[in-house]
N, C-alpha and C. Protein backbone atom coordinates (compact mmCIF):
# COMPACT_ATOMS: atom_id res chain seq x y z
N MET A 1 -13.90 -36.90 32.71
CA MET A 1 -15.06 -37.13 31.86
C MET A 1 -15.51 -38.59 31.99
N THR A 2 -16.80 -38.80 32.17
CA THR A 2 -17.32 -40.15 32.32
C THR A 2 -17.31 -40.89 30.99
N ASN A 3 -17.44 -42.22 31.06
CA ASN A 3 -17.51 -43.02 29.84
C ASN A 3 -18.67 -42.59 28.96
N THR A 4 -19.83 -42.30 29.59
CA THR A 4 -21.03 -41.86 28.85
C THR A 4 -20.74 -40.57 28.11
N ALA A 5 -20.12 -39.60 28.80
CA ALA A 5 -19.84 -38.30 28.19
C ALA A 5 -18.83 -38.44 27.05
N LYS A 6 -17.81 -39.30 27.22
CA LYS A 6 -16.81 -39.50 26.17
C LYS A 6 -17.44 -40.03 24.89
N LYS A 7 -18.33 -41.02 25.03
CA LYS A 7 -18.98 -41.61 23.86
C LYS A 7 -19.79 -40.56 23.10
N LEU A 8 -20.56 -39.75 23.85
CA LEU A 8 -21.41 -38.75 23.22
C LEU A 8 -20.57 -37.65 22.57
N LYS A 9 -19.46 -37.26 23.21
CA LYS A 9 -18.61 -36.22 22.65
C LYS A 9 -17.96 -36.69 21.37
N ASN A 10 -17.50 -37.93 21.34
CA ASN A 10 -16.86 -38.47 20.15
C ASN A 10 -17.82 -38.49 18.97
N VAL A 11 -19.06 -38.89 19.23
CA VAL A 11 -20.07 -38.93 18.16
C VAL A 11 -20.34 -37.54 17.64
N ALA A 12 -20.42 -36.55 18.54
CA ALA A 12 -20.77 -35.18 18.15
C ALA A 12 -19.70 -34.54 17.27
N ASN A 13 -18.45 -34.98 17.39
CA ASN A 13 -17.37 -34.35 16.64
C ASN A 13 -17.08 -35.01 15.29
N ILE A 14 -17.85 -36.00 14.91
CA ILE A 14 -17.62 -36.70 13.65
C ILE A 14 -18.10 -35.86 12.47
N ASN A 15 -17.19 -35.51 11.57
CA ASN A 15 -17.54 -34.86 10.30
C ASN A 15 -18.47 -33.67 10.45
N ARG A 16 -18.19 -32.79 11.38
CA ARG A 16 -19.05 -31.62 11.56
C ARG A 16 -18.88 -30.65 10.40
N PRO A 17 -19.96 -30.30 9.71
CA PRO A 17 -19.85 -29.41 8.55
C PRO A 17 -19.61 -27.96 8.98
N SER A 18 -19.27 -27.13 8.01
CA SER A 18 -19.08 -25.70 8.28
C SER A 18 -20.43 -25.00 8.43
N ARG A 19 -20.39 -23.78 8.93
CA ARG A 19 -21.62 -22.99 9.05
C ARG A 19 -22.23 -22.76 7.67
N LYS A 20 -21.38 -22.49 6.69
CA LYS A 20 -21.87 -22.25 5.33
C LYS A 20 -22.59 -23.48 4.79
N GLU A 21 -22.02 -24.66 5.03
CA GLU A 21 -22.65 -25.91 4.58
C GLU A 21 -23.98 -26.14 5.30
N ALA A 22 -24.03 -25.81 6.58
CA ALA A 22 -25.27 -25.97 7.34
C ALA A 22 -26.36 -25.04 6.80
N MET A 23 -25.99 -23.81 6.49
CA MET A 23 -26.96 -22.86 5.95
C MET A 23 -27.46 -23.33 4.58
N LYS A 24 -26.58 -23.90 3.78
CA LYS A 24 -26.98 -24.41 2.47
C LYS A 24 -27.97 -25.57 2.63
N ALA A 25 -27.76 -26.39 3.66
CA ALA A 25 -28.68 -27.49 3.91
C ALA A 25 -30.07 -26.98 4.27
N VAL A 26 -30.14 -25.91 5.04
CA VAL A 26 -31.44 -25.31 5.38
C VAL A 26 -32.11 -24.78 4.12
N GLU A 27 -31.34 -24.15 3.26
CA GLU A 27 -31.88 -23.65 2.00
C GLU A 27 -32.46 -24.78 1.16
N THR A 28 -31.77 -25.91 1.15
CA THR A 28 -32.27 -27.08 0.41
C THR A 28 -33.60 -27.56 0.97
N LEU A 29 -33.74 -27.57 2.28
CA LEU A 29 -34.99 -28.00 2.90
C LEU A 29 -36.13 -27.03 2.58
N ILE A 30 -35.81 -25.73 2.52
CA ILE A 30 -36.83 -24.75 2.15
C ILE A 30 -37.31 -25.02 0.72
N LEU A 31 -36.37 -25.30 -0.16
CA LEU A 31 -36.73 -25.63 -1.54
C LEU A 31 -37.57 -26.90 -1.59
N TRP A 32 -37.17 -27.91 -0.82
CA TRP A 32 -37.89 -29.19 -0.81
C TRP A 32 -39.31 -29.02 -0.29
N ALA A 33 -39.50 -28.07 0.64
CA ALA A 33 -40.84 -27.81 1.18
C ALA A 33 -41.74 -27.14 0.17
N GLY A 34 -41.15 -26.61 -0.90
CA GLY A 34 -41.95 -25.98 -1.95
C GLY A 34 -41.89 -24.46 -1.94
N GLU A 35 -40.93 -23.92 -1.20
CA GLU A 35 -40.81 -22.47 -1.09
C GLU A 35 -39.59 -21.96 -1.86
N ASN A 36 -39.54 -20.64 -1.98
CA ASN A 36 -38.44 -19.98 -2.66
C ASN A 36 -37.52 -19.35 -1.61
N PRO A 37 -36.33 -19.88 -1.40
CA PRO A 37 -35.43 -19.33 -0.38
C PRO A 37 -34.97 -17.91 -0.69
N GLU A 38 -35.22 -17.44 -1.93
CA GLU A 38 -34.85 -16.07 -2.30
C GLU A 38 -35.96 -15.07 -1.98
N ARG A 39 -37.11 -15.58 -1.53
CA ARG A 39 -38.19 -14.66 -1.14
C ARG A 39 -37.73 -13.83 0.05
N GLU A 40 -38.18 -12.57 0.09
CA GLU A 40 -37.68 -11.62 1.09
C GLU A 40 -37.79 -12.17 2.52
N GLY A 41 -38.91 -12.75 2.84
CA GLY A 41 -39.12 -13.23 4.21
C GLY A 41 -38.26 -14.42 4.59
N LEU A 42 -37.65 -15.07 3.59
CA LEU A 42 -36.85 -16.27 3.84
C LEU A 42 -35.35 -16.06 3.64
N LEU A 43 -34.96 -14.85 3.20
CA LEU A 43 -33.55 -14.62 2.88
C LEU A 43 -32.62 -14.90 4.06
N GLU A 44 -33.04 -14.52 5.26
CA GLU A 44 -32.19 -14.69 6.44
C GLU A 44 -32.51 -15.96 7.22
N THR A 45 -33.46 -16.76 6.70
CA THR A 45 -33.89 -17.94 7.44
C THR A 45 -32.77 -18.96 7.65
N PRO A 46 -31.98 -19.32 6.64
CA PRO A 46 -30.90 -20.27 6.90
C PRO A 46 -29.95 -19.81 8.00
N LYS A 47 -29.62 -18.54 8.03
CA LYS A 47 -28.74 -17.98 9.06
C LYS A 47 -29.39 -18.10 10.43
N ARG A 48 -30.69 -17.79 10.51
CA ARG A 48 -31.40 -17.86 11.78
C ARG A 48 -31.53 -19.29 12.28
N VAL A 49 -31.81 -20.22 11.36
CA VAL A 49 -31.96 -21.62 11.76
C VAL A 49 -30.66 -22.17 12.30
N VAL A 50 -29.55 -21.87 11.65
CA VAL A 50 -28.24 -22.35 12.13
C VAL A 50 -27.93 -21.75 13.51
N ALA A 51 -28.25 -20.48 13.71
CA ALA A 51 -28.04 -19.86 15.02
C ALA A 51 -28.92 -20.53 16.08
N ALA A 52 -30.16 -20.84 15.69
CA ALA A 52 -31.06 -21.52 16.62
C ALA A 52 -30.54 -22.91 16.97
N TYR A 53 -30.00 -23.60 15.96
CA TYR A 53 -29.44 -24.94 16.21
C TYR A 53 -28.27 -24.89 17.20
N GLU A 54 -27.51 -23.81 17.14
CA GLU A 54 -26.41 -23.65 18.10
C GLU A 54 -26.95 -23.61 19.53
N GLU A 55 -28.10 -22.97 19.71
CA GLU A 55 -28.72 -22.93 21.04
C GLU A 55 -29.35 -24.28 21.39
N PHE A 56 -30.11 -24.83 20.45
CA PHE A 56 -30.81 -26.08 20.71
C PHE A 56 -29.86 -27.21 21.10
N PHE A 57 -28.68 -27.24 20.47
CA PHE A 57 -27.79 -28.39 20.63
C PHE A 57 -26.45 -28.02 21.27
N VAL A 58 -26.48 -27.00 22.11
CA VAL A 58 -25.27 -26.58 22.81
C VAL A 58 -24.75 -27.67 23.75
N GLY A 59 -25.59 -28.63 24.09
CA GLY A 59 -25.17 -29.71 24.97
C GLY A 59 -24.02 -30.53 24.43
N TYR A 60 -23.85 -30.54 23.10
CA TYR A 60 -22.73 -31.28 22.51
C TYR A 60 -21.38 -30.64 22.84
N THR A 61 -21.38 -29.37 23.22
CA THR A 61 -20.13 -28.68 23.53
C THR A 61 -19.84 -28.67 25.03
N GLN A 62 -20.69 -29.28 25.82
CA GLN A 62 -20.56 -29.23 27.28
C GLN A 62 -20.37 -30.62 27.87
N ASP A 63 -19.62 -30.69 28.95
CA ASP A 63 -19.33 -31.96 29.63
C ASP A 63 -20.10 -32.00 30.95
N PRO A 64 -21.13 -32.84 31.06
CA PRO A 64 -21.91 -32.88 32.30
C PRO A 64 -21.11 -33.34 33.50
N ALA A 65 -20.11 -34.18 33.29
CA ALA A 65 -19.28 -34.62 34.41
C ALA A 65 -18.49 -33.45 35.00
N CYS A 66 -18.07 -32.52 34.15
CA CYS A 66 -17.36 -31.34 34.63
C CYS A 66 -18.26 -30.48 35.51
N VAL A 67 -19.53 -30.40 35.14
CA VAL A 67 -20.50 -29.64 35.94
C VAL A 67 -20.61 -30.21 37.35
N LEU A 68 -20.49 -31.53 37.46
CA LEU A 68 -20.62 -32.19 38.76
C LEU A 68 -19.30 -32.30 39.52
N SER A 69 -18.23 -31.77 38.95
CA SER A 69 -16.90 -32.00 39.53
C SER A 69 -16.66 -31.22 40.83
N LYS A 70 -17.34 -30.09 41.00
CA LYS A 70 -17.18 -29.33 42.24
C LYS A 70 -18.15 -29.86 43.28
N THR A 71 -17.61 -30.53 44.27
CA THR A 71 -18.45 -31.14 45.30
C THR A 71 -18.04 -30.65 46.68
N PHE A 72 -18.91 -30.94 47.65
CA PHE A 72 -18.68 -30.55 49.04
C PHE A 72 -18.62 -31.81 49.89
N GLU A 73 -17.64 -31.87 50.76
CA GLU A 73 -17.48 -33.05 51.59
C GLU A 73 -17.63 -32.74 53.07
N ASP A 74 -18.12 -31.53 53.37
CA ASP A 74 -18.23 -31.12 54.78
C ASP A 74 -19.68 -31.17 55.28
N ILE A 75 -20.54 -31.89 54.57
CA ILE A 75 -21.92 -32.03 55.00
C ILE A 75 -21.96 -33.12 56.09
N GLN A 76 -22.36 -32.72 57.28
CA GLN A 76 -22.34 -33.64 58.41
C GLN A 76 -23.76 -34.02 58.82
N GLY A 77 -23.96 -35.28 59.15
CA GLY A 77 -25.22 -35.72 59.73
C GLY A 77 -26.39 -35.81 58.77
N PHE A 78 -26.13 -35.78 57.46
CA PHE A 78 -27.23 -35.92 56.49
C PHE A 78 -27.09 -37.25 55.77
N ASP A 79 -28.10 -38.08 55.92
CA ASP A 79 -28.08 -39.40 55.28
C ASP A 79 -29.47 -39.68 54.73
N ASP A 80 -29.76 -39.06 53.60
CA ASP A 80 -31.07 -39.22 52.96
C ASP A 80 -30.94 -38.75 51.53
N MET A 81 -32.03 -38.87 50.79
CA MET A 81 -32.02 -38.46 49.39
C MET A 81 -32.08 -36.95 49.24
N VAL A 82 -31.50 -36.48 48.15
CA VAL A 82 -31.63 -35.09 47.73
C VAL A 82 -32.40 -35.11 46.42
N VAL A 83 -33.51 -34.38 46.37
CA VAL A 83 -34.39 -34.42 45.20
C VAL A 83 -34.55 -33.01 44.63
N VAL A 84 -34.39 -32.90 43.31
CA VAL A 84 -34.73 -31.66 42.61
C VAL A 84 -35.88 -32.00 41.67
N ARG A 85 -37.04 -31.38 41.95
CA ARG A 85 -38.26 -31.65 41.18
C ARG A 85 -38.46 -30.63 40.08
N ASP A 86 -39.29 -31.03 39.11
CA ASP A 86 -39.83 -30.10 38.12
C ASP A 86 -38.74 -29.31 37.38
N ILE A 87 -37.73 -30.02 36.91
CA ILE A 87 -36.69 -29.38 36.09
C ILE A 87 -37.21 -29.32 34.66
N GLU A 88 -37.66 -28.15 34.25
CA GLU A 88 -38.22 -28.00 32.91
C GLU A 88 -37.10 -28.06 31.87
N PHE A 89 -37.40 -28.69 30.75
CA PHE A 89 -36.39 -28.76 29.68
C PHE A 89 -37.08 -28.75 28.32
N VAL A 90 -36.30 -28.35 27.32
CA VAL A 90 -36.70 -28.44 25.92
C VAL A 90 -35.63 -29.25 25.22
N SER A 91 -36.04 -30.30 24.54
CA SER A 91 -35.10 -31.12 23.80
C SER A 91 -35.64 -31.31 22.39
N HIS A 92 -34.97 -32.16 21.61
CA HIS A 92 -35.42 -32.44 20.24
C HIS A 92 -35.33 -33.93 19.95
N CYS A 93 -36.38 -34.44 19.39
CA CYS A 93 -36.48 -35.86 19.06
C CYS A 93 -35.47 -36.23 17.98
N GLU A 94 -34.71 -37.27 18.24
CA GLU A 94 -33.69 -37.69 17.27
C GLU A 94 -34.29 -38.35 16.03
N HIS A 95 -35.58 -38.67 16.08
CA HIS A 95 -36.22 -39.32 14.94
C HIS A 95 -36.85 -38.33 13.97
N HIS A 96 -37.35 -37.18 14.48
CA HIS A 96 -38.06 -36.24 13.62
C HIS A 96 -37.55 -34.81 13.74
N LEU A 97 -36.60 -34.56 14.64
CA LEU A 97 -36.03 -33.21 14.84
C LEU A 97 -37.08 -32.20 15.26
N VAL A 98 -38.08 -32.63 16.02
CA VAL A 98 -39.09 -31.71 16.55
C VAL A 98 -38.97 -31.67 18.07
N PRO A 99 -39.52 -30.62 18.69
CA PRO A 99 -39.30 -30.42 20.13
C PRO A 99 -39.93 -31.49 21.03
N ILE A 100 -39.28 -31.68 22.15
CA ILE A 100 -39.79 -32.45 23.28
C ILE A 100 -39.82 -31.48 24.45
N LEU A 101 -40.99 -31.31 25.05
CA LEU A 101 -41.14 -30.38 26.17
C LEU A 101 -41.49 -31.19 27.41
N GLY A 102 -40.71 -31.04 28.46
CA GLY A 102 -40.98 -31.89 29.62
C GLY A 102 -40.40 -31.39 30.91
N LYS A 103 -40.55 -32.25 31.92
CA LYS A 103 -40.00 -32.00 33.25
C LYS A 103 -39.26 -33.25 33.71
N ALA A 104 -38.14 -33.02 34.36
CA ALA A 104 -37.37 -34.12 34.94
C ALA A 104 -37.34 -33.96 36.45
N HIS A 105 -37.40 -35.08 37.15
CA HIS A 105 -37.22 -35.13 38.60
C HIS A 105 -35.99 -36.00 38.84
N VAL A 106 -35.02 -35.45 39.54
CA VAL A 106 -33.75 -36.14 39.73
C VAL A 106 -33.41 -36.19 41.21
N ALA A 107 -32.96 -37.37 41.66
CA ALA A 107 -32.57 -37.53 43.06
C ALA A 107 -31.28 -38.35 43.14
N TYR A 108 -30.52 -38.07 44.18
CA TYR A 108 -29.39 -38.94 44.49
C TYR A 108 -29.26 -39.02 46.01
N TRP A 109 -28.66 -40.09 46.47
CA TRP A 109 -28.44 -40.30 47.90
C TRP A 109 -26.94 -40.19 48.13
N PRO A 110 -26.47 -39.06 48.66
CA PRO A 110 -25.03 -38.83 48.77
C PRO A 110 -24.33 -39.88 49.63
N ASP A 111 -23.09 -40.15 49.25
CA ASP A 111 -22.21 -40.96 50.08
C ASP A 111 -21.17 -40.02 50.68
N ASP A 112 -20.09 -39.77 49.97
CA ASP A 112 -19.08 -38.82 50.45
C ASP A 112 -19.20 -37.46 49.79
N LYS A 113 -19.76 -37.44 48.58
CA LYS A 113 -19.77 -36.20 47.81
C LYS A 113 -21.18 -35.62 47.71
N VAL A 114 -21.27 -34.31 47.99
CA VAL A 114 -22.53 -33.59 47.83
C VAL A 114 -22.30 -32.49 46.80
N VAL A 115 -23.21 -32.37 45.86
CA VAL A 115 -23.06 -31.39 44.78
C VAL A 115 -24.13 -30.31 44.93
N GLY A 116 -23.84 -29.10 44.46
CA GLY A 116 -24.83 -28.03 44.46
C GLY A 116 -26.07 -28.44 43.68
N ILE A 117 -27.24 -28.16 44.23
CA ILE A 117 -28.47 -28.66 43.62
C ILE A 117 -28.71 -28.11 42.22
N SER A 118 -28.21 -26.90 41.93
CA SER A 118 -28.38 -26.35 40.58
C SER A 118 -27.64 -27.18 39.54
N LYS A 119 -26.61 -27.90 39.99
CA LYS A 119 -25.82 -28.70 39.04
C LYS A 119 -26.63 -29.87 38.49
N LEU A 120 -27.56 -30.39 39.27
CA LEU A 120 -28.41 -31.48 38.78
C LEU A 120 -29.28 -30.99 37.63
N ALA A 121 -29.80 -29.76 37.78
CA ALA A 121 -30.59 -29.17 36.69
C ALA A 121 -29.72 -28.92 35.46
N ARG A 122 -28.47 -28.51 35.67
CA ARG A 122 -27.56 -28.28 34.54
C ARG A 122 -27.29 -29.58 33.79
N VAL A 123 -27.14 -30.68 34.51
CA VAL A 123 -26.90 -31.97 33.85
C VAL A 123 -28.09 -32.34 32.97
N VAL A 124 -29.29 -32.13 33.48
CA VAL A 124 -30.49 -32.39 32.67
C VAL A 124 -30.46 -31.54 31.40
N ASP A 125 -30.14 -30.26 31.53
CA ASP A 125 -30.12 -29.37 30.37
C ASP A 125 -29.08 -29.80 29.34
N ILE A 126 -27.92 -30.22 29.81
CA ILE A 126 -26.86 -30.61 28.87
C ILE A 126 -27.29 -31.81 28.02
N PHE A 127 -27.89 -32.81 28.67
CA PHE A 127 -28.34 -33.97 27.90
C PHE A 127 -29.59 -33.66 27.07
N ALA A 128 -30.42 -32.72 27.54
CA ALA A 128 -31.61 -32.34 26.78
C ALA A 128 -31.23 -31.56 25.52
N ARG A 129 -30.14 -30.78 25.60
CA ARG A 129 -29.73 -29.96 24.46
C ARG A 129 -28.91 -30.76 23.45
N ARG A 130 -29.43 -31.93 23.14
CA ARG A 130 -28.84 -32.81 22.13
C ARG A 130 -30.00 -33.51 21.43
N LEU A 131 -29.74 -34.17 20.34
CA LEU A 131 -30.76 -35.02 19.72
C LEU A 131 -30.88 -36.28 20.57
N VAL A 132 -32.09 -36.56 21.03
CA VAL A 132 -32.25 -37.63 22.02
C VAL A 132 -33.48 -38.47 21.75
N SER A 133 -33.47 -39.64 22.37
CA SER A 133 -34.70 -40.35 22.69
C SER A 133 -34.87 -40.16 24.19
N GLN A 134 -36.09 -40.14 24.66
CA GLN A 134 -36.31 -39.92 26.09
C GLN A 134 -35.69 -41.03 26.93
N GLU A 135 -35.73 -42.24 26.39
CA GLU A 135 -35.16 -43.38 27.12
C GLU A 135 -33.66 -43.20 27.32
N ASN A 136 -32.95 -42.80 26.25
CA ASN A 136 -31.51 -42.61 26.36
C ASN A 136 -31.17 -41.42 27.25
N MET A 137 -31.96 -40.37 27.15
CA MET A 137 -31.73 -39.20 28.00
C MET A 137 -31.84 -39.58 29.47
N THR A 138 -32.85 -40.36 29.81
CA THR A 138 -33.04 -40.81 31.18
C THR A 138 -31.83 -41.60 31.66
N ARG A 139 -31.40 -42.53 30.83
CA ARG A 139 -30.25 -43.37 31.19
C ARG A 139 -28.96 -42.56 31.31
N ASN A 140 -28.74 -41.62 30.37
CA ASN A 140 -27.51 -40.84 30.39
C ASN A 140 -27.40 -39.96 31.62
N ILE A 141 -28.51 -39.35 32.02
CA ILE A 141 -28.51 -38.53 33.23
C ILE A 141 -28.14 -39.37 34.44
N LEU A 142 -28.80 -40.52 34.56
CA LEU A 142 -28.53 -41.40 35.70
C LEU A 142 -27.08 -41.87 35.72
N GLN A 143 -26.57 -42.34 34.58
CA GLN A 143 -25.21 -42.87 34.53
C GLN A 143 -24.18 -41.80 34.83
N CYS A 144 -24.41 -40.58 34.34
CA CYS A 144 -23.47 -39.49 34.58
C CYS A 144 -23.36 -39.18 36.07
N ILE A 145 -24.51 -39.07 36.75
CA ILE A 145 -24.50 -38.78 38.19
C ILE A 145 -23.89 -39.94 38.96
N ASP A 146 -24.24 -41.16 38.56
CA ASP A 146 -23.73 -42.36 39.23
C ASP A 146 -22.20 -42.46 39.10
N GLU A 147 -21.69 -42.26 37.88
CA GLU A 147 -20.27 -42.42 37.64
C GLU A 147 -19.44 -41.28 38.26
N THR A 148 -20.00 -40.07 38.27
CA THR A 148 -19.24 -38.91 38.73
C THR A 148 -19.25 -38.76 40.24
N LEU A 149 -20.41 -38.93 40.87
CA LEU A 149 -20.53 -38.70 42.31
C LEU A 149 -20.39 -39.96 43.15
N ALA A 150 -20.54 -41.13 42.52
CA ALA A 150 -20.51 -42.41 43.26
C ALA A 150 -21.40 -42.36 44.50
N PRO A 151 -22.68 -42.01 44.33
CA PRO A 151 -23.58 -41.93 45.48
C PRO A 151 -24.11 -43.32 45.85
N LYS A 152 -24.94 -43.35 46.89
CA LYS A 152 -25.57 -44.61 47.28
C LYS A 152 -26.67 -45.02 46.31
N GLY A 153 -27.12 -44.08 45.50
CA GLY A 153 -28.13 -44.38 44.49
C GLY A 153 -28.59 -43.13 43.78
N VAL A 154 -29.20 -43.34 42.59
CA VAL A 154 -29.71 -42.24 41.78
C VAL A 154 -31.09 -42.62 41.26
N ALA A 155 -31.96 -41.63 41.13
CA ALA A 155 -33.29 -41.83 40.54
C ALA A 155 -33.56 -40.71 39.54
N VAL A 156 -34.08 -41.09 38.38
CA VAL A 156 -34.45 -40.11 37.36
C VAL A 156 -35.84 -40.47 36.83
N TYR A 157 -36.71 -39.47 36.80
CA TYR A 157 -38.09 -39.65 36.32
C TYR A 157 -38.38 -38.49 35.37
N ILE A 158 -38.78 -38.80 34.15
CA ILE A 158 -39.04 -37.77 33.15
C ILE A 158 -40.44 -37.94 32.57
N ASP A 159 -41.16 -36.83 32.48
CA ASP A 159 -42.50 -36.79 31.90
C ASP A 159 -42.48 -35.72 30.82
N ALA A 160 -42.73 -36.11 29.56
CA ALA A 160 -42.55 -35.16 28.47
C ALA A 160 -43.58 -35.32 27.38
N ASN A 161 -43.85 -34.19 26.71
CA ASN A 161 -44.71 -34.18 25.53
C ASN A 161 -43.84 -34.15 24.29
N HIS A 162 -44.06 -35.11 23.40
CA HIS A 162 -43.28 -35.21 22.17
C HIS A 162 -44.10 -34.65 21.01
N GLN A 163 -43.60 -33.59 20.40
CA GLN A 163 -44.36 -32.97 19.32
C GLN A 163 -44.38 -33.83 18.05
N CYS A 164 -43.54 -34.86 18.02
CA CYS A 164 -43.66 -35.80 16.91
C CYS A 164 -44.94 -36.62 17.03
N MET A 165 -45.52 -36.64 18.24
CA MET A 165 -46.83 -37.29 18.45
C MET A 165 -47.97 -36.30 18.46
N SER A 166 -47.70 -35.06 18.89
CA SER A 166 -48.80 -34.10 19.05
C SER A 166 -49.05 -33.23 17.83
N THR A 167 -48.03 -32.99 17.00
CA THR A 167 -48.21 -32.10 15.84
C THR A 167 -48.13 -32.82 14.50
N ARG A 168 -47.85 -34.12 14.52
CA ARG A 168 -47.79 -34.91 13.29
C ARG A 168 -48.20 -36.34 13.65
N GLY A 169 -48.19 -37.22 12.66
CA GLY A 169 -48.48 -38.62 12.94
C GLY A 169 -49.85 -38.81 13.57
N VAL A 170 -49.88 -39.41 14.76
CA VAL A 170 -51.16 -39.70 15.42
C VAL A 170 -51.83 -38.47 15.98
N GLN A 171 -51.07 -37.35 16.15
CA GLN A 171 -51.60 -36.06 16.60
C GLN A 171 -52.41 -36.18 17.89
N LYS A 172 -51.80 -36.78 18.90
CA LYS A 172 -52.41 -36.89 20.22
C LYS A 172 -51.84 -35.79 21.11
N THR A 173 -52.54 -34.65 21.12
CA THR A 173 -51.99 -33.45 21.74
C THR A 173 -51.88 -33.53 23.26
N CYS A 174 -52.64 -34.38 23.89
CA CYS A 174 -52.63 -34.45 25.36
C CYS A 174 -51.79 -35.60 25.89
N SER A 175 -51.14 -36.34 25.03
CA SER A 175 -50.36 -37.49 25.50
C SER A 175 -49.03 -37.03 26.08
N SER A 176 -48.52 -37.80 27.02
CA SER A 176 -47.18 -37.57 27.53
C SER A 176 -46.49 -38.91 27.69
N THR A 177 -45.18 -38.88 27.67
CA THR A 177 -44.38 -40.09 27.80
C THR A 177 -43.60 -40.03 29.10
N VAL A 178 -43.64 -41.12 29.85
CA VAL A 178 -42.97 -41.18 31.15
C VAL A 178 -41.89 -42.25 31.10
N THR A 179 -40.69 -41.88 31.54
CA THR A 179 -39.60 -42.84 31.68
C THR A 179 -38.98 -42.66 33.06
N SER A 180 -38.45 -43.74 33.60
CA SER A 180 -37.77 -43.67 34.90
C SER A 180 -36.65 -44.68 34.93
N MET A 181 -35.68 -44.40 35.77
CA MET A 181 -34.56 -45.32 35.93
C MET A 181 -33.98 -45.13 37.32
N PHE A 182 -33.53 -46.22 37.93
CA PHE A 182 -33.05 -46.19 39.31
C PHE A 182 -31.75 -46.97 39.44
N SER A 183 -30.93 -46.57 40.39
CA SER A 183 -29.73 -47.33 40.73
C SER A 183 -29.55 -47.34 42.24
N GLY A 184 -28.72 -48.24 42.71
CA GLY A 184 -28.40 -48.29 44.14
C GLY A 184 -29.61 -48.46 45.02
N VAL A 185 -29.68 -47.66 46.08
CA VAL A 185 -30.77 -47.81 47.06
C VAL A 185 -32.14 -47.55 46.44
N PHE A 186 -32.20 -46.72 45.39
CA PHE A 186 -33.48 -46.43 44.76
C PHE A 186 -34.00 -47.65 43.99
N LYS A 187 -33.09 -48.49 43.56
CA LYS A 187 -33.46 -49.70 42.83
C LYS A 187 -33.67 -50.88 43.78
N GLU A 188 -32.88 -50.93 44.83
CA GLU A 188 -32.87 -52.09 45.71
C GLU A 188 -33.90 -52.01 46.84
N ASP A 189 -34.28 -50.79 47.22
CA ASP A 189 -35.18 -50.61 48.37
C ASP A 189 -36.51 -50.04 47.87
N ALA A 190 -37.55 -50.84 47.89
CA ALA A 190 -38.86 -50.42 47.38
C ALA A 190 -39.40 -49.21 48.14
N ASN A 191 -39.12 -49.13 49.44
CA ASN A 191 -39.61 -48.01 50.23
C ASN A 191 -38.94 -46.69 49.82
N VAL A 192 -37.65 -46.74 49.55
CA VAL A 192 -36.93 -45.55 49.10
C VAL A 192 -37.46 -45.11 47.74
N GLN A 193 -37.65 -46.07 46.84
CA GLN A 193 -38.18 -45.75 45.52
C GLN A 193 -39.58 -45.14 45.64
N ARG A 194 -40.40 -45.70 46.53
CA ARG A 194 -41.76 -45.18 46.71
C ARG A 194 -41.73 -43.76 47.26
N ARG A 195 -40.83 -43.49 48.18
CA ARG A 195 -40.70 -42.13 48.73
C ARG A 195 -40.35 -41.14 47.63
N PHE A 196 -39.42 -41.52 46.77
CA PHE A 196 -39.05 -40.65 45.65
C PHE A 196 -40.24 -40.39 44.75
N MET A 197 -40.97 -41.44 44.40
CA MET A 197 -42.12 -41.27 43.53
C MET A 197 -43.19 -40.40 44.17
N ASP A 198 -43.39 -40.55 45.46
CA ASP A 198 -44.37 -39.72 46.16
C ASP A 198 -43.95 -38.25 46.15
N ILE A 199 -42.65 -38.00 46.30
CA ILE A 199 -42.15 -36.63 46.31
C ILE A 199 -42.35 -35.96 44.96
N THR A 200 -42.25 -36.74 43.87
CA THR A 200 -42.35 -36.16 42.54
C THR A 200 -43.78 -35.85 42.12
N LYS A 201 -44.75 -36.34 42.86
CA LYS A 201 -46.15 -36.10 42.51
C LYS A 201 -46.50 -34.65 42.78
N ASP A 202 -47.38 -34.12 41.93
CA ASP A 202 -47.83 -32.72 42.11
C ASP A 202 -48.70 -32.59 43.35
């Protein structure tokens, strides 16, 4: 397990309440919103919300480094970047608990270890299925790949719509937020970084 994954796992396990306590908290929020949790249409809502949260935040129970642990070392004659584009994800804003809908583009330049391309998408999903800021999500994905595979470099580019901006607050429905982070050859070589950015364009 990488240092990044250990820190996140430790935080996730602090004082986790029971399912019953979680359902009671949902009931309290329904009351606070001005509704009656005993109304027929809302009777099962706390149970459904807790079940939904299990799906939304399943990333806290998964180790992204473990996903990357199965590698291949018999790739001969390949010395270039591997890019997986348009990895769709759904996450939740750590500030308002509302959805973030976006796409991630992830690349790495293998050294000795090559990983199955689906695993890069799985790493994105694991970090997305937590309460996040887009900046931290970008960094965590990059650090996990960097620490686990020790490649020549990693690039992560994320473009996402934050519903905390589109459905509340400033209500800018067409806005998107872009974050990127680079390491190794992607950070040191402007031409390599430019190639990655060109590949990620629609």
